[in-house]
């Protein structure tokens, strides 16, 4: 029987050791809770301080002043100025060609609208806002620009050098003679 009693004693001792071991581990885990809680609280606090910085960085990027197109010259504008505005993507301008319909059809600044000098005011009143930036070119461009200004169009500039100046700066053209065309000759 001693053998059995020794086995029971050993089992009881092992169980007691395991219980003590588990109790110690549980105690250590409980002891770590405040430390772990403090560590997590510190991380949360650090993160909460980063949020305003991240929000401010986003605001700085989003609220930067938007780029502005090149300004329009008063009365006279170079072909380079017009080209820069078009390359910038400026949609709020109109290019008026006051040459004859034949000259317009042969070759013109890409996007230009035909308004012969005799009808420039009637056409402009029907098609353009008075606030619109207007560029005029052709032999009678100065006269057309003057008429438009007198009619209340405040932002009107004559393209210096007209179509030839435009082509010299590499501005795109359209029309019968602008491309290789079977109609050219």
N, C-alpha and C. Protein backbone atom coordinates (compact mmCIF):
# COMPACT_ATOMS: atom_id res chain seq x y z
N UNK A 1 0.79 -1.19 0.00
CA UNK A 1 0.00 0.00 0.00
C UNK A 1 0.83 1.25 0.00
N UNK A 2 1.97 1.09 0.47
CA UNK A 2 2.82 2.27 0.51
C UNK A 2 3.05 2.81 -0.90
N UNK A 3 3.13 1.89 -1.73
CA UNK A 3 3.33 2.32 -3.10
C UNK A 3 2.16 3.18 -3.58
N UNK A 4 0.96 2.70 -3.25
CA UNK A 4 -0.21 3.45 -3.69
C UNK A 4 -0.26 4.79 -2.98
N UNK A 5 0.03 4.81 -1.72
CA UNK A 5 0.03 6.03 -0.94
C UNK A 5 1.09 7.00 -1.44
N UNK A 6 2.22 6.46 -1.84
CA UNK A 6 3.27 7.34 -2.39
C UNK A 6 2.82 7.93 -3.71
N UNK A 7 2.13 7.11 -4.47
CA UNK A 7 1.65 7.61 -5.77
C UNK A 7 0.62 8.72 -5.56
N UNK A 8 -0.24 8.56 -4.59
CA UNK A 8 -1.26 9.58 -4.30
C UNK A 8 -0.55 10.83 -3.80
N UNK A 9 0.41 10.66 -2.92
CA UNK A 9 1.15 11.83 -2.41
C UNK A 9 1.86 12.54 -3.55
N UNK A 10 2.48 11.78 -4.43
CA UNK A 10 3.16 12.40 -5.57
C UNK A 10 2.17 13.15 -6.46
N UNK A 11 1.02 12.54 -6.71
CA UNK A 11 0.01 13.18 -7.55
C UNK A 11 -0.49 14.45 -6.88
N UNK A 12 -0.72 14.40 -5.58
CA UNK A 12 -1.18 15.58 -4.83
C UNK A 12 -0.11 16.66 -4.89
N UNK A 13 1.14 16.27 -4.70
CA UNK A 13 2.23 17.24 -4.74
C UNK A 13 2.35 17.87 -6.13
N UNK A 14 2.23 17.02 -7.16
CA UNK A 14 2.32 17.54 -8.53
C UNK A 14 1.17 18.52 -8.80
N UNK A 15 -0.01 18.15 -8.35
CA UNK A 15 -1.18 19.01 -8.55
C UNK A 15 -0.98 20.31 -7.79
N UNK A 16 -0.45 20.22 -6.60
CA UNK A 16 -0.19 21.42 -5.81
C UNK A 16 0.85 22.28 -6.50
N UNK A 17 1.90 21.65 -7.03
CA UNK A 17 2.93 22.41 -7.75
C UNK A 17 2.35 23.08 -8.99
N UNK A 18 1.54 22.33 -9.73
CA UNK A 18 0.93 22.89 -10.94
C UNK A 18 -0.02 24.03 -10.57
N UNK A 19 -0.77 23.84 -9.53
CA UNK A 19 -1.70 24.89 -9.08
C UNK A 19 -0.92 26.13 -8.68
N UNK A 20 0.18 25.91 -7.94
CA UNK A 20 1.00 27.03 -7.51
C UNK A 20 1.62 27.72 -8.74
N UNK A 21 2.07 26.91 -9.68
CA UNK A 21 2.67 27.44 -10.91
C UNK A 21 1.63 28.27 -11.68
N UNK A 22 0.42 27.73 -11.86
CA UNK A 22 -0.65 28.45 -12.57
C UNK A 22 -1.06 29.70 -11.81
N UNK A 23 -1.11 29.60 -10.51
CA UNK A 23 -1.46 30.77 -9.69
C UNK A 23 -0.40 31.85 -9.86
N UNK A 24 0.85 31.44 -9.92
CA UNK A 24 1.94 32.40 -10.14
C UNK A 24 1.84 33.05 -11.50
N UNK A 25 1.54 32.23 -12.53
CA UNK A 25 1.39 32.78 -13.88
C UNK A 25 0.21 33.75 -13.94
N UNK A 26 -0.88 33.37 -13.30
CA UNK A 26 -2.06 34.25 -13.29
C UNK A 26 -1.73 35.54 -12.56
N UNK A 27 -0.99 35.41 -11.47
CA UNK A 27 -0.59 36.60 -10.71
C UNK A 27 0.29 37.52 -11.56
N UNK A 28 1.23 36.90 -12.30
CA UNK A 28 2.09 37.71 -13.18
C UNK A 28 1.26 38.41 -14.25
N UNK A 29 0.28 37.69 -14.83
CA UNK A 29 -0.57 38.28 -15.86
C UNK A 29 -1.38 39.43 -15.27
N UNK A 30 -1.89 39.23 -14.07
CA UNK A 30 -2.67 40.30 -13.41
C UNK A 30 -1.75 41.48 -13.11
N UNK A 31 -0.52 41.18 -12.69
CA UNK A 31 0.43 42.25 -12.41
C UNK A 31 0.77 43.04 -13.68
N UNK A 32 0.74 42.37 -14.83
CA UNK A 32 1.08 43.03 -16.10
C UNK A 32 -0.06 43.89 -16.64
N UNK A 33 -1.26 43.66 -16.16
CA UNK A 33 -2.41 44.42 -16.67
C UNK A 33 -2.21 45.92 -16.51
N UNK A 34 -1.84 46.40 -15.33
CA UNK A 34 -1.65 47.86 -15.23
C UNK A 34 -0.53 48.37 -16.16
N UNK A 35 0.57 47.60 -16.22
CA UNK A 35 1.67 48.02 -17.10
C UNK A 35 1.22 48.03 -18.56
N UNK A 36 0.52 46.99 -18.97
CA UNK A 36 0.05 46.86 -20.36
C UNK A 36 -0.99 47.94 -20.66
N UNK A 37 -1.87 48.17 -19.69
CA UNK A 37 -2.89 49.20 -19.85
C UNK A 37 -2.24 50.57 -20.02
N UNK A 38 -1.22 50.82 -19.21
CA UNK A 38 -0.51 52.09 -19.29
C UNK A 38 0.19 52.23 -20.65
N UNK A 39 0.79 51.14 -21.12
CA UNK A 39 1.47 51.14 -22.42
C UNK A 39 0.47 51.43 -23.55
N UNK A 40 -0.70 50.76 -23.51
CA UNK A 40 -1.72 50.98 -24.53
C UNK A 40 -2.30 52.39 -24.46
N UNK A 41 -2.47 52.88 -23.25
CA UNK A 41 -2.99 54.24 -23.07
C UNK A 41 -1.99 55.25 -23.65
N UNK A 42 -0.70 55.01 -23.45
CA UNK A 42 0.33 55.90 -24.00
C UNK A 42 0.32 55.88 -25.53
N UNK A 43 0.16 54.69 -26.11
CA UNK A 43 0.09 54.58 -27.57
C UNK A 43 -1.14 55.32 -28.11
N UNK A 44 -2.26 55.17 -27.43
CA UNK A 44 -3.49 55.86 -27.85
C UNK A 44 -3.31 57.38 -27.74
N UNK A 45 -2.67 57.81 -26.67
CA UNK A 45 -2.41 59.24 -26.48
C UNK A 45 -1.50 59.78 -27.58
N UNK A 46 -0.44 59.02 -27.89
CA UNK A 46 0.47 59.42 -28.97
C UNK A 46 -0.26 59.52 -30.31
N UNK A 47 -1.10 58.54 -30.57
CA UNK A 47 -1.86 58.53 -31.83
C UNK A 47 -2.82 59.71 -31.89
N UNK A 48 -3.45 60.04 -30.76
CA UNK A 48 -4.40 61.16 -30.76
C UNK A 48 -3.68 62.49 -31.01
N UNK A 49 -2.42 62.57 -30.63
CA UNK A 49 -1.65 63.79 -30.90
C UNK A 49 -1.22 63.86 -32.36
N UNK A 50 -1.12 62.73 -33.01
CA UNK A 50 -0.73 62.70 -34.43
C UNK A 50 -1.88 63.11 -35.34
N UNK A 51 -3.10 62.85 -34.94
CA UNK A 51 -4.26 63.13 -35.78
C UNK A 51 -4.33 64.61 -36.14
N UNK A 52 -4.23 65.55 -35.18
CA UNK A 52 -4.29 66.96 -35.58
C UNK A 52 -3.17 67.33 -36.56
N UNK A 53 -1.99 66.74 -36.37
CA UNK A 53 -0.88 67.01 -37.30
C UNK A 53 -1.22 66.50 -38.69
N UNK A 54 -1.81 65.31 -38.76
CA UNK A 54 -2.18 64.74 -40.05
C UNK A 54 -3.31 65.56 -40.70
N UNK A 55 -4.25 66.00 -39.90
CA UNK A 55 -5.34 66.84 -40.42
C UNK A 55 -4.77 68.15 -40.96
N UNK A 56 -3.86 68.76 -40.21
CA UNK A 56 -3.27 70.01 -40.65
C UNK A 56 -2.46 69.82 -41.93
N UNK A 57 -1.73 68.73 -42.03
CA UNK A 57 -0.96 68.45 -43.25
C UNK A 57 -1.90 68.29 -44.45
N UNK A 58 -3.01 67.63 -44.25
CA UNK A 58 -3.99 67.47 -45.34
C UNK A 58 -4.58 68.82 -45.72
N UNK A 59 -4.91 69.64 -44.74
CA UNK A 59 -5.44 70.98 -45.02
C UNK A 59 -4.43 71.82 -45.79
N UNK A 60 -3.17 71.72 -45.41
CA UNK A 60 -2.13 72.49 -46.11
C UNK A 60 -2.07 72.12 -47.58
N UNK A 61 -2.22 70.83 -47.86
CA UNK A 61 -2.15 70.38 -49.26
C UNK A 61 -3.41 70.80 -50.02
N UNK A 62 -4.56 70.58 -49.41
CA UNK A 62 -5.83 70.83 -50.09
C UNK A 62 -6.10 72.32 -50.27
N UNK A 63 -5.69 73.14 -49.33
CA UNK A 63 -6.04 74.55 -49.39
C UNK A 63 -4.94 75.44 -49.96
N UNK A 64 -3.94 74.82 -50.59
CA UNK A 64 -2.93 75.64 -51.26
C UNK A 64 -3.63 76.45 -52.34
N UNK A 65 -3.16 77.65 -52.57
CA UNK A 65 -3.80 78.44 -53.63
C UNK A 65 -3.72 77.71 -54.97
N UNK A 66 -4.82 77.73 -55.68
CA UNK A 66 -4.85 77.10 -56.99
C UNK A 66 -4.00 77.91 -57.96
N UNK A 67 -3.38 77.23 -58.90
CA UNK A 67 -2.59 77.99 -59.88
C UNK A 67 -3.52 78.87 -60.71
N UNK A 68 -2.99 79.99 -61.14
CA UNK A 68 -3.78 80.92 -61.93
C UNK A 68 -3.22 80.96 -63.35
N UNK A 69 -4.12 81.15 -64.31
CA UNK A 69 -3.65 81.23 -65.70
C UNK A 69 -2.86 82.51 -65.89
N UNK A 70 -2.05 82.54 -66.94
CA UNK A 70 -1.36 83.80 -67.23
C UNK A 70 -2.39 84.91 -67.39
N UNK A 71 -2.05 86.09 -66.92
CA UNK A 71 -2.97 87.22 -67.00
C UNK A 71 -3.12 87.69 -68.44
N UNK A 72 -4.27 88.27 -68.72
CA UNK A 72 -4.53 88.81 -70.05
C UNK A 72 -3.98 90.23 -70.12
N UNK A 73 -3.28 90.52 -71.20
CA UNK A 73 -2.78 91.87 -71.41
C UNK A 73 -3.94 92.77 -71.82
N UNK A 74 -3.80 94.04 -71.52
CA UNK A 74 -4.83 95.01 -71.89
C UNK A 74 -4.51 95.55 -73.29
N UNK A 75 -5.50 95.56 -74.14
CA UNK A 75 -5.45 96.12 -75.50
C UNK A 75 -4.62 95.33 -76.50
N UNK A 76 -3.38 94.99 -76.19
CA UNK A 76 -2.51 94.26 -77.11
C UNK A 76 -1.97 93.03 -76.39
N UNK A 77 -1.95 91.90 -77.10
CA UNK A 77 -1.42 90.67 -76.52
C UNK A 77 -0.51 90.00 -77.54
N UNK A 78 0.54 89.40 -77.05
CA UNK A 78 1.44 88.68 -77.94
C UNK A 78 0.85 87.30 -78.24
N UNK A 79 1.29 86.72 -79.32
CA UNK A 79 0.86 85.36 -79.66
C UNK A 79 1.32 84.38 -78.58
N UNK A 80 2.48 84.63 -77.98
CA UNK A 80 2.98 83.77 -76.90
C UNK A 80 2.03 83.76 -75.72
N UNK A 81 1.50 84.93 -75.37
CA UNK A 81 0.57 85.01 -74.24
C UNK A 81 -0.67 84.16 -74.50
N UNK A 82 -1.24 84.30 -75.68
CA UNK A 82 -2.43 83.53 -76.02
C UNK A 82 -2.12 82.04 -76.01
N UNK A 83 -0.98 81.66 -76.56
CA UNK A 83 -0.58 80.24 -76.58
C UNK A 83 -0.43 79.70 -75.17
N UNK A 84 0.20 80.47 -74.28
CA UNK A 84 0.37 80.03 -72.88
C UNK A 84 -0.97 79.83 -72.20
N UNK A 85 -1.90 80.73 -72.45
CA UNK A 85 -3.23 80.58 -71.83
C UNK A 85 -3.93 79.34 -72.35
N UNK A 86 -3.82 79.08 -73.63
CA UNK A 86 -4.46 77.89 -74.18
C UNK A 86 -3.77 76.62 -73.68
N UNK A 87 -2.45 76.64 -73.58
CA UNK A 87 -1.72 75.48 -73.07
C UNK A 87 -2.03 75.24 -71.60
N UNK A 88 -2.29 76.30 -70.88
CA UNK A 88 -2.63 76.18 -69.47
C UNK A 88 -3.98 75.50 -69.32
N UNK A 89 -4.80 75.55 -70.36
CA UNK A 89 -6.12 74.93 -70.32
C UNK A 89 -7.22 75.94 -70.05
N UNK A 90 -6.94 77.18 -70.34
CA UNK A 90 -7.89 78.25 -70.08
C UNK A 90 -9.10 78.16 -71.01
N UNK A 91 -10.27 77.85 -70.46
CA UNK A 91 -11.45 77.74 -71.32
C UNK A 91 -12.25 79.04 -71.44
N UNK A 92 -11.97 80.00 -70.58
CA UNK A 92 -12.81 81.20 -70.52
C UNK A 92 -12.32 82.32 -71.43
N UNK A 93 -12.00 81.97 -72.65
CA UNK A 93 -11.61 83.01 -73.60
C UNK A 93 -12.15 82.67 -74.98
N UNK A 94 -12.25 83.71 -75.81
CA UNK A 94 -12.73 83.53 -77.17
C UNK A 94 -11.74 84.19 -78.11
N UNK A 95 -11.43 83.52 -79.20
CA UNK A 95 -10.54 84.08 -80.23
C UNK A 95 -11.42 84.41 -81.43
N UNK A 96 -11.40 85.68 -81.81
CA UNK A 96 -12.22 86.14 -82.93
C UNK A 96 -11.33 86.46 -84.13
N UNK A 97 -11.69 85.88 -85.27
CA UNK A 97 -11.00 86.13 -86.54
C UNK A 97 -11.88 87.09 -87.34
N UNK A 98 -11.39 88.32 -87.57
CA UNK A 98 -12.19 89.32 -88.29
C UNK A 98 -11.82 89.41 -89.77
N UNK A 99 -11.08 88.44 -90.27
CA UNK A 99 -10.73 88.43 -91.69
C UNK A 99 -11.92 87.94 -92.52
N UNK A 100 -11.74 87.92 -93.82
CA UNK A 100 -12.82 87.45 -94.70
C UNK A 100 -13.07 85.96 -94.47
N UNK A 101 -14.25 85.52 -94.90
CA UNK A 101 -14.61 84.11 -94.75
C UNK A 101 -13.63 83.22 -95.51
N UNK A 102 -13.17 83.65 -96.67
CA UNK A 102 -12.23 82.86 -97.46
C UNK A 102 -10.90 82.69 -96.70
N UNK A 103 -10.40 83.79 -96.14
CA UNK A 103 -9.15 83.70 -95.38
C UNK A 103 -9.34 82.80 -94.15
N UNK A 104 -10.47 82.94 -93.49
CA UNK A 104 -10.78 82.11 -92.32
C UNK A 104 -10.79 80.63 -92.70
N UNK A 105 -11.46 80.29 -93.81
CA UNK A 105 -11.55 78.89 -94.24
C UNK A 105 -10.19 78.33 -94.63
N UNK A 106 -9.33 79.17 -95.20
CA UNK A 106 -8.02 78.70 -95.64
C UNK A 106 -7.14 78.31 -94.46
N UNK A 107 -7.05 79.18 -93.47
CA UNK A 107 -6.23 78.88 -92.29
C UNK A 107 -6.57 79.86 -91.19
N UNK A 108 -6.66 79.33 -89.98
CA UNK A 108 -7.03 80.16 -88.82
C UNK A 108 -6.41 79.56 -87.56
N UNK A 109 -6.38 80.37 -86.50
CA UNK A 109 -5.96 79.88 -85.20
C UNK A 109 -6.98 78.82 -84.78
N UNK A 110 -6.50 77.68 -84.32
CA UNK A 110 -7.40 76.60 -83.91
C UNK A 110 -8.35 77.10 -82.83
N UNK A 111 -9.63 76.90 -83.09
CA UNK A 111 -10.65 77.31 -82.13
C UNK A 111 -11.19 78.71 -82.35
N UNK A 112 -10.62 79.46 -83.30
CA UNK A 112 -11.11 80.82 -83.56
C UNK A 112 -12.50 80.78 -84.18
N UNK A 113 -13.27 81.82 -83.91
CA UNK A 113 -14.60 81.93 -84.51
C UNK A 113 -14.59 83.08 -85.52
N UNK A 114 -15.29 82.89 -86.64
CA UNK A 114 -15.30 83.96 -87.64
C UNK A 114 -16.32 85.04 -87.29
N UNK A 115 -15.87 86.27 -87.30
CA UNK A 115 -16.76 87.42 -87.11
C UNK A 115 -16.26 88.54 -88.00
N UNK A 116 -16.68 88.57 -89.25
CA UNK A 116 -16.25 89.65 -90.13
C UNK A 116 -16.53 91.01 -89.50
N UNK A 117 -15.68 91.98 -89.76
CA UNK A 117 -15.75 93.29 -89.11
C UNK A 117 -17.13 93.93 -89.23
N UNK A 118 -17.83 93.70 -90.35
CA UNK A 118 -19.14 94.30 -90.55
C UNK A 118 -20.19 93.75 -89.59
N UNK A 119 -19.96 92.58 -89.04
CA UNK A 119 -20.97 91.93 -88.18
C UNK A 119 -20.43 91.60 -86.78
N UNK A 120 -19.30 92.14 -86.44
CA UNK A 120 -18.66 91.75 -85.19
C UNK A 120 -19.54 92.07 -83.97
N UNK A 121 -20.16 93.23 -83.92
CA UNK A 121 -20.99 93.57 -82.76
C UNK A 121 -22.23 92.70 -82.66
N UNK A 122 -22.92 92.52 -83.78
CA UNK A 122 -24.12 91.68 -83.76
C UNK A 122 -23.78 90.26 -83.32
N UNK A 123 -22.74 89.72 -83.90
CA UNK A 123 -22.33 88.35 -83.55
C UNK A 123 -21.90 88.24 -82.08
N UNK A 124 -21.13 89.22 -81.63
CA UNK A 124 -20.64 89.19 -80.25
C UNK A 124 -21.80 89.30 -79.26
N UNK A 125 -22.74 90.20 -79.52
CA UNK A 125 -23.88 90.37 -78.61
C UNK A 125 -24.69 89.09 -78.50
N UNK A 126 -24.79 88.35 -79.58
CA UNK A 126 -25.57 87.11 -79.57
C UNK A 126 -24.81 85.93 -78.98
N UNK A 127 -23.48 86.00 -78.92
CA UNK A 127 -22.71 84.82 -78.55
C UNK A 127 -21.82 84.96 -77.32
N UNK A 128 -21.46 86.17 -76.92
CA UNK A 128 -20.44 86.32 -75.88
C UNK A 128 -20.92 87.11 -74.67
N UNK A 129 -20.44 86.71 -73.50
CA UNK A 129 -20.69 87.46 -72.27
C UNK A 129 -19.77 88.66 -72.25
N UNK A 130 -20.21 89.75 -71.62
CA UNK A 130 -19.38 90.96 -71.56
C UNK A 130 -18.14 90.78 -70.68
N UNK A 131 -18.15 89.78 -69.79
CA UNK A 131 -17.00 89.53 -68.90
C UNK A 131 -15.92 88.68 -69.57
N UNK A 132 -16.22 88.10 -70.67
CA UNK A 132 -15.34 87.12 -71.32
C UNK A 132 -14.06 87.78 -71.82
N UNK A 133 -12.94 87.03 -71.73
CA UNK A 133 -11.67 87.48 -72.31
C UNK A 133 -11.74 87.22 -73.81
N UNK A 134 -11.48 88.25 -74.60
CA UNK A 134 -11.59 88.14 -76.05
C UNK A 134 -10.27 88.54 -76.70
N UNK A 135 -9.78 87.68 -77.58
CA UNK A 135 -8.60 87.96 -78.39
C UNK A 135 -9.06 88.11 -79.83
N UNK A 136 -8.63 89.18 -80.49
CA UNK A 136 -9.05 89.46 -81.86
C UNK A 136 -7.81 89.51 -82.75
N UNK A 137 -7.93 88.95 -83.96
CA UNK A 137 -6.84 89.07 -84.93
C UNK A 137 -7.41 89.23 -86.33
N UNK A 138 -6.58 89.80 -87.20
CA UNK A 138 -6.97 90.06 -88.59
C UNK A 138 -6.61 91.50 -88.95
N UNK A 139 -6.77 91.84 -90.23
CA UNK A 139 -6.38 93.18 -90.70
C UNK A 139 -7.10 94.30 -89.98
N UNK A 140 -8.35 94.11 -89.64
CA UNK A 140 -9.12 95.17 -88.98
C UNK A 140 -9.35 94.85 -87.49
N UNK A 141 -8.40 94.16 -86.88
CA UNK A 141 -8.53 93.74 -85.48
C UNK A 141 -8.61 94.94 -84.54
N UNK A 142 -7.82 95.99 -84.78
CA UNK A 142 -7.86 97.17 -83.90
C UNK A 142 -9.25 97.80 -83.92
N UNK A 143 -9.84 97.94 -85.12
CA UNK A 143 -11.18 98.52 -85.26
C UNK A 143 -12.21 97.64 -84.54
N UNK A 144 -12.14 96.33 -84.74
CA UNK A 144 -13.08 95.40 -84.10
C UNK A 144 -12.95 95.46 -82.58
N UNK A 145 -11.72 95.48 -82.08
CA UNK A 145 -11.50 95.56 -80.64
C UNK A 145 -12.08 96.84 -80.06
N UNK A 146 -11.91 97.96 -80.78
CA UNK A 146 -12.48 99.22 -80.34
C UNK A 146 -14.00 99.16 -80.27
N UNK A 147 -14.62 98.57 -81.27
CA UNK A 147 -16.08 98.43 -81.28
C UNK A 147 -16.55 97.59 -80.10
N UNK A 148 -15.85 96.51 -79.86
CA UNK A 148 -16.23 95.63 -78.75
C UNK A 148 -16.09 96.34 -77.40
N UNK A 149 -15.02 97.09 -77.23
CA UNK A 149 -14.83 97.82 -75.96
C UNK A 149 -15.94 98.85 -75.77
N UNK A 150 -16.29 99.56 -76.83
CA UNK A 150 -17.36 100.56 -76.74
C UNK A 150 -18.70 99.91 -76.42
N UNK A 151 -18.89 98.67 -76.84
CA UNK A 151 -20.14 97.96 -76.57
C UNK A 151 -20.16 97.35 -75.17
N UNK A 152 -19.10 97.53 -74.39
CA UNK A 152 -19.09 97.06 -73.01
C UNK A 152 -18.26 95.83 -72.73
N UNK A 153 -17.55 95.34 -73.72
CA UNK A 153 -16.64 94.21 -73.49
C UNK A 153 -15.33 94.77 -72.94
N UNK A 154 -15.07 94.49 -71.68
CA UNK A 154 -13.93 95.11 -70.99
C UNK A 154 -12.60 94.44 -71.28
N UNK A 155 -12.61 93.15 -71.55
CA UNK A 155 -11.35 92.41 -71.71
C UNK A 155 -11.17 92.00 -73.17
N UNK A 156 -10.67 92.93 -73.96
CA UNK A 156 -10.46 92.69 -75.38
C UNK A 156 -9.02 93.05 -75.72
N UNK A 157 -8.31 92.12 -76.34
CA UNK A 157 -6.92 92.37 -76.74
C UNK A 157 -6.73 91.94 -78.19
N UNK A 158 -5.92 92.71 -78.91
CA UNK A 158 -5.57 92.40 -80.29
C UNK A 158 -4.32 91.53 -80.25
N UNK A 159 -4.33 90.42 -80.99
CA UNK A 159 -3.16 89.55 -81.07
C UNK A 159 -2.15 90.22 -82.01
N UNK A 160 -1.05 90.66 -81.44
CA UNK A 160 -0.02 91.35 -82.22
C UNK A 160 0.57 90.41 -83.26
N UNK A 161 0.60 90.85 -84.50
CA UNK A 161 1.17 90.04 -85.57
C UNK A 161 0.19 89.05 -86.17
N UNK A 162 -0.99 88.92 -85.59
CA UNK A 162 -2.04 88.08 -86.14
C UNK A 162 -1.63 86.63 -86.34
N UNK A 163 -2.17 86.05 -87.42
CA UNK A 163 -1.96 84.63 -87.71
C UNK A 163 -0.49 84.29 -87.94
N UNK A 164 0.23 85.17 -88.61
CA UNK A 164 1.66 84.90 -88.89
C UNK A 164 2.47 84.81 -87.59
N UNK A 165 2.19 85.70 -86.66
CA UNK A 165 2.87 85.67 -85.36
C UNK A 165 2.49 84.39 -84.61
N UNK A 166 1.22 84.03 -84.68
CA UNK A 166 0.73 82.80 -84.04
C UNK A 166 1.48 81.58 -84.57
N UNK A 167 1.61 81.49 -85.86
CA UNK A 167 2.31 80.34 -86.46
C UNK A 167 3.79 80.37 -86.11
N UNK A 168 4.37 81.56 -86.00
CA UNK A 168 5.80 81.68 -85.68
C UNK A 168 6.13 81.14 -84.28
N UNK A 169 5.15 81.21 -83.35
CA UNK A 169 5.40 80.68 -82.00
C UNK A 169 4.95 79.22 -81.88
N UNK A 170 4.54 78.63 -83.00
CA UNK A 170 4.16 77.22 -82.99
C UNK A 170 2.72 76.97 -82.59
N UNK A 171 1.89 78.02 -82.65
CA UNK A 171 0.48 77.85 -82.31
C UNK A 171 -0.23 77.00 -83.35
N UNK A 172 -1.14 76.14 -82.94
CA UNK A 172 -1.84 75.26 -83.89
C UNK A 172 -2.83 76.04 -84.76
N UNK A 173 -2.94 75.61 -86.00
CA UNK A 173 -3.90 76.21 -86.92
C UNK A 173 -4.76 75.12 -87.53
N UNK A 174 -5.86 75.54 -88.11
CA UNK A 174 -6.74 74.62 -88.81
C UNK A 174 -7.26 75.30 -90.07
N UNK A 175 -7.80 74.53 -90.97
CA UNK A 175 -8.31 75.05 -92.22
C UNK A 175 -7.70 74.30 -93.39
N UNK A 176 -8.08 74.70 -94.61
CA UNK A 176 -7.64 74.02 -95.82
C UNK A 176 -6.12 74.01 -95.95
N UNK A 177 -5.48 75.13 -95.66
CA UNK A 177 -4.03 75.22 -95.85
C UNK A 177 -3.23 74.92 -94.58
N UNK A 178 -3.89 74.55 -93.54
CA UNK A 178 -3.19 74.27 -92.28
C UNK A 178 -2.54 72.89 -92.29
N UNK A 179 -3.06 71.97 -93.09
CA UNK A 179 -2.54 70.61 -93.13
C UNK A 179 -2.23 70.25 -94.57
N UNK A 180 -1.57 69.14 -94.77
CA UNK A 180 -1.42 68.61 -96.12
C UNK A 180 -2.82 68.22 -96.56
N UNK A 181 -3.25 68.79 -97.62
CA UNK A 181 -4.61 68.56 -98.05
C UNK A 181 -4.67 68.48 -99.55
N UNK A 182 -5.48 67.60 -100.12
CA UNK A 182 -5.60 67.53 -101.57
C UNK A 182 -6.22 68.82 -102.12
N UNK A 183 -6.88 69.60 -101.27
CA UNK A 183 -7.49 70.86 -101.71
C UNK A 183 -6.48 72.01 -101.75
N UNK A 184 -5.31 71.78 -101.19
CA UNK A 184 -4.31 72.83 -101.03
C UNK A 184 -3.87 73.41 -102.36
N UNK A 185 -3.67 72.60 -103.40
CA UNK A 185 -3.15 73.12 -104.67
C UNK A 185 -4.20 73.29 -105.67
